C-alpha atoms as a PDB file:
ATOM      1  CA  MET A   1     116.140  77.388 101.874  1.00  0.00           C
ATOM      2  CA  LYS A   2     116.283  74.209  99.474  1.00  0.00           C
ATOM      3  CA  LYS A   3     113.708  74.790  96.492  1.00  0.00           C
ATOM      4  CA  LYS A   4     110.689  72.665  96.128  1.00  0.00           C
ATOM      5  CA  SER A   5     109.390  71.178  93.406  1.00  0.00           C
ATOM      6  CA  GLY A   6     106.120  71.611  93.931  1.00  0.00           C
ATOM      7  CA  ILE A   7     105.952  75.546  93.627  1.00  0.00           C
ATOM      8  CA  LEU A   8     104.432  76.208  90.981  1.00  0.00           C
ATOM      9  CA  PRO A   9     105.880  78.020  88.298  1.00  0.00           C
ATOM     10  CA  ARG A  10     105.589  81.304  86.050  1.00  0.00           C
ATOM     11  CA  VAL A  11     103.769  79.431  83.871  1.00  0.00           C
ATOM     12  CA  TYR A  12     101.306  77.691  85.459  1.00  0.00           C
ATOM     13  CA  PHE A  13     100.365  81.483  85.942  1.00  0.00           C
ATOM     14  CA  ASN A  14     100.274  82.821  82.220  1.00  0.00           C
ATOM     15  CA  ARG A  15      96.739  81.306  81.654  1.00  0.00           C
ATOM     16  CA  PRO A  16      93.044  82.198  81.555  1.00  0.00           C
ATOM     17  CA  THR A  17      92.208  83.644  85.158  1.00  0.00           C
ATOM     18  CA  VAL A  18      89.126  82.213  85.768  1.00  0.00           C
ATOM     19  CA  ALA A  19      90.913  78.989  85.038  1.00  0.00           C
ATOM     20  CA  VAL A  20      94.059  79.769  87.071  1.00  0.00           C
ATOM     21  CA  ALA A  21      91.274  80.432  90.122  1.00  0.00           C
ATOM     22  CA  ARG A  22      89.569  76.938  89.612  1.00  0.00           C
ATOM     23  CA  SER A  23      92.379  75.008  89.813  1.00  0.00           C
ATOM     24  CA  LEU A  24      93.759  76.963  92.708  1.00  0.00           C
ATOM     25  CA  ILE A  25      91.399  75.220  94.335  1.00  0.00           C
ATOM     26  CA  GLY A  26      93.262  72.555  96.428  1.00  0.00           C
ATOM     27  CA  LYS A  27      96.503  73.772  96.077  1.00  0.00           C
ATOM     28  CA  TYR A  28      98.121  75.054  99.238  1.00  0.00           C
ATOM     29  CA  LEU A  29      99.376  78.910 100.187  1.00  0.00           C
ATOM     30  CA  VAL A  30     102.988  78.436 102.013  1.00  0.00           C
ATOM     31  CA  ARG A  31     104.848  80.842 103.863  1.00  0.00           C
ATOM     32  CA  VAL A  32     107.989  81.233 105.561  1.00  0.00           C
ATOM     33  CA  ILE A  33     108.125  83.323 109.178  1.00  0.00           C
ATOM     34  CA  ASP A  34     111.371  83.490 110.651  1.00  0.00           C
ATOM     35  CA  GLY A  35     112.531  80.463 109.393  1.00  0.00           C
ATOM     36  CA  ARG A  36     109.328  78.260 110.499  1.00  0.00           C
ATOM     37  CA  ILE A  37     106.758  77.254 107.204  1.00  0.00           C
ATOM     38  CA  LEU A  38     103.028  77.211 106.884  1.00  0.00           C
ATOM     39  CA  ALA A  39     101.013  75.339 104.680  1.00  0.00           C
ATOM     40  CA  GLY A  40      97.504  76.091 104.011  1.00  0.00           C
ATOM     41  CA  LYS A  41      95.010  74.424 101.680  1.00  0.00           C
ATOM     42  CA  ILE A  42      92.991  76.693  99.249  1.00  0.00           C
ATOM     43  CA  VAL A  43      90.107  76.113  99.414  1.00  0.00           C
ATOM     44  CA  GLU A  44      88.104  79.437  98.109  1.00  0.00           C
ATOM     45  CA  VAL A  45      89.049  82.518  95.374  1.00  0.00           C
ATOM     46  CA  GLU A  46      87.916  84.596  93.551  1.00  0.00           C
ATOM     47  CA  ALA A  47      89.183  85.710  89.790  1.00  0.00           C
ATOM     48  CA  TYR A  48      89.495  89.043  88.271  1.00  0.00           C
ATOM     49  CA  VAL A  49      89.670  89.262  84.514  1.00  0.00           C
ATOM     50  CA  GLY A  50      90.582  92.287  82.762  1.00  0.00           C
ATOM     51  CA  PRO A  51      89.867  95.822  82.125  1.00  0.00           C
ATOM     52  CA  GLU A  52      86.525  95.360  81.263  1.00  0.00           C
ATOM     53  CA  ASP A  53      85.455  93.609  84.390  1.00  0.00           C
ATOM     54  CA  LYS A  54      83.547  96.422  86.319  1.00  0.00           C
ATOM     55  CA  ALA A  55      84.751  94.478  89.952  1.00  0.00           C
ATOM     56  CA  CYS A  56      88.434  93.911  88.939  1.00  0.00           C
ATOM     57  CA  HIS A  57      90.299  97.214  90.391  1.00  0.00           C
ATOM     58  CA  ALA A  58      92.124  97.851  86.814  1.00  0.00           C
ATOM     59  CA  SER A  59      88.283  97.684  85.091  1.00  0.00           C
ATOM     60  CA  LYS A  60      89.498 102.158  86.248  1.00  0.00           C
ATOM     61  CA  GLY A  61      92.445 102.352  84.445  1.00  0.00           C
ATOM     62  CA  ARG A  62      97.014 102.499  85.026  1.00  0.00           C
ATOM     63  CA  THR A  63      97.430 103.511  88.679  1.00  0.00           C
ATOM     64  CA  GLN A  64     100.413 103.132  91.340  1.00  0.00           C
ATOM     65  CA  ARG A  65      97.934 100.821  93.255  1.00  0.00           C
ATOM     66  CA  THR A  66      97.284  98.424  90.782  1.00  0.00           C
ATOM     67  CA  GLU A  67     100.673  98.735  88.054  1.00  0.00           C
ATOM     68  CA  VAL A  68     101.421  95.325  89.614  1.00  0.00           C
ATOM     69  CA  MET A  69      98.548  94.136  87.856  1.00  0.00           C
ATOM     70  CA  PHE A  70      99.727  94.659  84.105  1.00  0.00           C
ATOM     71  CA  GLY A  71     103.079  93.236  84.771  1.00  0.00           C
ATOM     72  CA  PRO A  72     104.224  89.468  84.784  1.00  0.00           C
ATOM     73  CA  ALA A  73     101.947  86.644  86.481  1.00  0.00           C
ATOM     74  CA  GLY A  74     102.742  84.650  89.244  1.00  0.00           C
ATOM     75  CA  VAL A  75     103.393  88.124  90.947  1.00  0.00           C
ATOM     76  CA  ALA A  76     101.503  89.207  94.158  1.00  0.00           C
ATOM     77  CA  TYR A  77      99.003  91.929  94.231  1.00  0.00           C
ATOM     78  CA  VAL A  78      98.310  92.979  98.376  1.00  0.00           C
ATOM     79  CA  TYR A  79      96.398  95.958  98.658  1.00  0.00           C
ATOM     80  CA  LEU A  80      94.587  97.616 101.801  1.00  0.00           C
ATOM     81  CA  ILE A  81      90.655  96.974 102.338  1.00  0.00           C
ATOM     82  CA  TYR A  82      88.649  99.525 104.937  1.00  0.00           C
ATOM     83  CA  GLY A  83      92.558 100.972 105.628  1.00  0.00           C
ATOM     84  CA  MET A  84      93.057  98.218 108.009  1.00  0.00           C
ATOM     85  CA  TYR A  85      92.948  95.068 106.369  1.00  0.00           C
ATOM     86  CA  HIS A  86      95.195  93.512 103.628  1.00  0.00           C
ATOM     87  CA  CYS A  87      94.540  91.191 100.628  1.00  0.00           C
ATOM     88  CA  LEU A  88      96.466  89.012  98.826  1.00  0.00           C
ATOM     89  CA  ASN A  89      96.115  88.279  95.305  1.00  0.00           C
ATOM     90  CA  VAL A  90      98.245  86.727  92.566  1.00  0.00           C
ATOM     91  CA  VAL A  91      98.667  88.176  88.433  1.00  0.00           C
ATOM     92  CA  THR A  92      97.294  85.837  86.066  1.00  0.00           C
ATOM     93  CA  GLU A  93      97.638  85.908  81.980  1.00  0.00           C
ATOM     94  CA  ARG A  94     100.101  88.166  79.795  1.00  0.00           C
ATOM     95  CA  GLU A  95     101.440  90.941  80.601  1.00  0.00           C
ATOM     96  CA  GLU A  96      99.658  94.926  80.358  1.00  0.00           C
ATOM     97  CA  PHE A  97      96.107  92.395  80.543  1.00  0.00           C
ATOM     98  CA  PRO A  98      95.203  93.212  84.184  1.00  0.00           C
ATOM     99  CA  SER A  99      94.141  90.362  85.567  1.00  0.00           C
ATOM    100  CA  ALA A 100      94.497  88.037  89.148  1.00  0.00           C
ATOM    101  CA  VAL A 101      92.876  85.799  91.571  1.00  0.00           C
ATOM    102  CA  LEU A 102      92.433  86.789  95.531  1.00  0.00           C
ATOM    103  CA  ILE A 103      92.739  84.402  97.994  1.00  0.00           C
ATOM    104  CA  ARG A 104      89.563  83.969 100.442  1.00  0.00           C
ATOM    105  CA  ALA A 105      90.369  81.164 102.805  1.00  0.00           C
ATOM    106  CA  ILE A 106      92.221  78.858 103.479  1.00  0.00           C
ATOM    107  CA  GLU A 107      92.243  75.713 105.441  1.00  0.00           C
ATOM    108  CA  LEU A 108      95.489  75.672 108.194  1.00  0.00           C
ATOM    109  CA  ASP A 109      96.456  72.943 110.679  1.00  0.00           C
ATOM    110  CA  GLY A 110      92.562  71.931 110.755  1.00  0.00           C
ATOM    111  CA  THR A 111      92.067  75.226 111.129  1.00  0.00           C
ATOM    112  CA  LEU A 112      89.163  77.327 108.476  1.00  0.00           C
ATOM    113  CA  ILE A 113      90.899  80.817 108.009  1.00  0.00           C
ATOM    114  CA  ASP A 114      87.728  82.107 105.985  1.00  0.00           C
ATOM    115  CA  GLY A 115      88.470  85.977 104.808  1.00  0.00           C
ATOM    116  CA  PRO A 116      90.634  87.543 102.416  1.00  0.00           C
ATOM    117  CA  GLY A 117      91.588  89.861 105.636  1.00  0.00           C
ATOM    118  CA  ARG A 118      91.789  87.758 108.072  1.00  0.00           C
ATOM    119  CA  LEU A 119      94.094  85.280 105.994  1.00  0.00           C
ATOM    120  CA  CYS A 120      96.790  87.661 105.441  1.00  0.00           C
ATOM    121  CA  ARG A 121      96.472  88.503 109.176  1.00  0.00           C
ATOM    122  CA  ALA A 122      97.219  84.458 109.347  1.00  0.00           C
ATOM    123  CA  LEU A 123     100.628  84.308 107.163  1.00  0.00           C
ATOM    124  CA  GLN A 124     102.193  87.831 108.322  1.00  0.00           C
ATOM    125  CA  ILE A 125     101.063  88.962 105.054  1.00  0.00           C
ATOM    126  CA  ASP A 126     101.251  92.715 104.203  1.00  0.00           C
ATOM    127  CA  ARG A 127     101.537  95.516 102.055  1.00  0.00           C
ATOM    128  CA  ARG A 128     105.643  94.234 102.109  1.00  0.00           C
ATOM    129  CA  LEU A 129     104.841  91.195 100.149  1.00  0.00           C
ATOM    130  CA  ASN A 130     103.880  93.753  97.032  1.00  0.00           C
ATOM    131  CA  ARG A 131     104.946  92.821  94.063  1.00  0.00           C
ATOM    132  CA  VAL A 132     107.170  89.805  94.989  1.00  0.00           C
ATOM    133  CA  ASP A 133     107.494  87.230  92.743  1.00  0.00           C
ATOM    134  CA  LEU A 134     105.487  83.917  94.012  1.00  0.00           C
ATOM    135  CA  THR A 135     107.154  81.140  91.214  1.00  0.00           C
ATOM    136  CA  ILE A 136     110.589  81.769  93.328  1.00  0.00           C
ATOM    137  CA  GLY A 137     109.604  79.764  97.290  1.00  0.00           C
ATOM    138  CA  GLU A 138     111.305  82.434  99.072  1.00  0.00           C
ATOM    139  CA  SER A 139     109.267  84.048 101.237  1.00  0.00           C
ATOM    140  CA  LEU A 140     105.408  83.358  99.868  1.00  0.00           C
ATOM    141  CA  TRP A 141     104.409  80.595  96.779  1.00  0.00           C
ATOM    142  CA  PHE A 142     101.998  78.825  95.763  1.00  0.00           C
ATOM    143  CA  GLU A 143     102.921  74.580  95.817  1.00  0.00           C
ATOM    144  CA  ASP A 144     101.122  71.993  94.269  1.00  0.00           C
ATOM    145  CA  ARG A 145     101.302  68.798  96.802  1.00  0.00           C
ATOM    146  CA  GLY A 146      99.648  66.329  94.840  1.00  0.00           C
ATOM    147  CA  GLU A 147      96.346  66.480  96.578  1.00  0.00           C
ATOM    148  CA  ALA A 148      93.578  65.612  93.692  1.00  0.00           C
ATOM    149  CA  VAL A 149      90.359  67.485  93.652  1.00  0.00           C
ATOM    150  CA  GLY A 150      87.537  65.397  93.130  1.00  0.00           C
ATOM    151  CA  ARG A 151      85.377  66.327  90.529  1.00  0.00           C
ATOM    152  CA  GLY A 152      82.283  68.554  91.219  1.00  0.00           C
ATOM    153  CA  THR A 153      83.625  68.901  95.229  1.00  0.00           C
ATOM    154  CA  VAL A 154      84.162  73.193  93.896  1.00  0.00           C
ATOM    155  CA  GLY A 155      81.367  75.361  94.154  1.00  0.00           C
ATOM    156  CA  ALA A 156      80.846  78.209  91.785  1.00  0.00           C
ATOM    157  CA  TYR A 157      79.241  81.235  93.022  1.00  0.00           C
ATOM    158  CA  PRO A 158      78.926  85.009  91.999  1.00  0.00           C
ATOM    159  CA  ARG A 159      81.629  86.517  94.207  1.00  0.00           C
ATOM    160  CA  ILE A 160      81.316  88.499  97.470  1.00  0.00           C
ATOM    161  CA  GLY A 161      81.052  92.392  97.820  1.00  0.00           C
ATOM    162  CA  VAL A 162      81.063  93.625  94.345  1.00  0.00           C
ATOM    163  CA  ASP A 163      77.156  94.671  94.026  1.00  0.00           C
ATOM    164  CA  TYR A 164      78.495  98.171  92.264  1.00  0.00           C
ATOM    165  CA  ALA A 165      80.047  95.991  89.418  1.00  0.00           C
ATOM    166  CA  GLY A 166      76.337  95.527  87.562  1.00  0.00           C
ATOM    167  CA  THR A 167      76.425  92.170  84.890  1.00  0.00           C
ATOM    168  CA  TRP A 168      80.260  91.659  86.413  1.00  0.00           C
ATOM    169  CA  ALA A 169      78.918  91.383  89.793  1.00  0.00           C
ATOM    170  CA  GLU A 170      76.832  88.672  88.943  1.00  0.00           C
ATOM    171  CA  LYS A 171      79.710  86.120  87.012  1.00  0.00           C
ATOM    172  CA  LEU A 172      80.526  82.536  89.360  1.00  0.00           C
ATOM    173  CA  TRP A 173      83.770  84.072  89.706  1.00  0.00           C
ATOM    174  CA  ARG A 174      83.995  82.689  93.084  1.00  0.00           C
ATOM    175  CA  PHE A 175      85.389  79.242  93.934  1.00  0.00           C
ATOM    176  CA  ARG A 176      84.611  77.119  96.619  1.00  0.00           C
ATOM    177  CA  LEU A 177      85.716  73.598  98.055  1.00  0.00           C
ATOM    178  CA  ARG A 178      82.840  71.977  99.073  1.00  0.00           C
ATOM    179  CA  THR A 179      83.960  70.068 101.679  1.00  0.00           C
ATOM    180  CA  VAL A 180      85.913  72.046 103.822  1.00  0.00           C
ATOM    181  CA  THR A 181      85.507  70.741 107.433  1.00  0.00           C
ATOM    182  CA  ALA A 182      88.101  72.919 109.517  1.00  0.00           C
ATOM    183  CA  PRO A 183      86.336  74.383 112.241  1.00  0.00           C
ATOM    184  CA  MET A 184      86.210  78.502 111.487  1.00  0.00           C
ATOM    185  CA  LYS A 185      88.574  80.276 113.214  1.00  0.00           C
ATOM    186  CA  MET A 186      86.940  82.008 115.611  1.00  0.00           C
ATOM    187  CA  ARG A 187      86.908  86.108 115.706  1.00  0.00           C
ATOM    188  CA  ARG A 188      88.214  87.645 119.182  1.00  0.00           C
ATOM    189  CA  THR A 189      85.190  89.149 121.496  1.00  0.00           C
ATOM    190  CA  LYS A 190      86.406  92.207 122.903  1.00  0.00           C
ATOM    191  CA  LYS A 191      86.806  92.828 126.989  1.00  0.00           C
END
């Protein structure tokens, strides 16, 4: 596969996590599945900043699960929540300072894929992609397609589902494009 020039390099992710999170809005998450390329515009993310951030998985120390967060920036951190939903994060900052950005929502082919579990299901992302280098453009990567995100078009909000983190839950580290226009992908209903 021909490498594209818009692939975000490791140096892009080796910056302060909140800055990386904010700047990922409007970039593209690209996935190759059976030779087919899917590219979704990133419209919502959350920042998790180091061992002091009580909402960050690494706040409880280094474990087998969080080991990837202590490594180089630009690597995938994929984990399972509630025993059924995968979540995709990209490791940020310097090695040994465990931080990451959770990708919460994308617009894919005119449809809003809202929620990290739905996003991973739509792009067939699971734990097999944990530790994949997202800066080399093989099966999964981030891409800058030159689309400008206007000033004031990104909102900052508290992160979702981290009430247990005390004052860390109040940090405005969830970023969402205010002008999301794609219809939300509907959930399947059981018959």
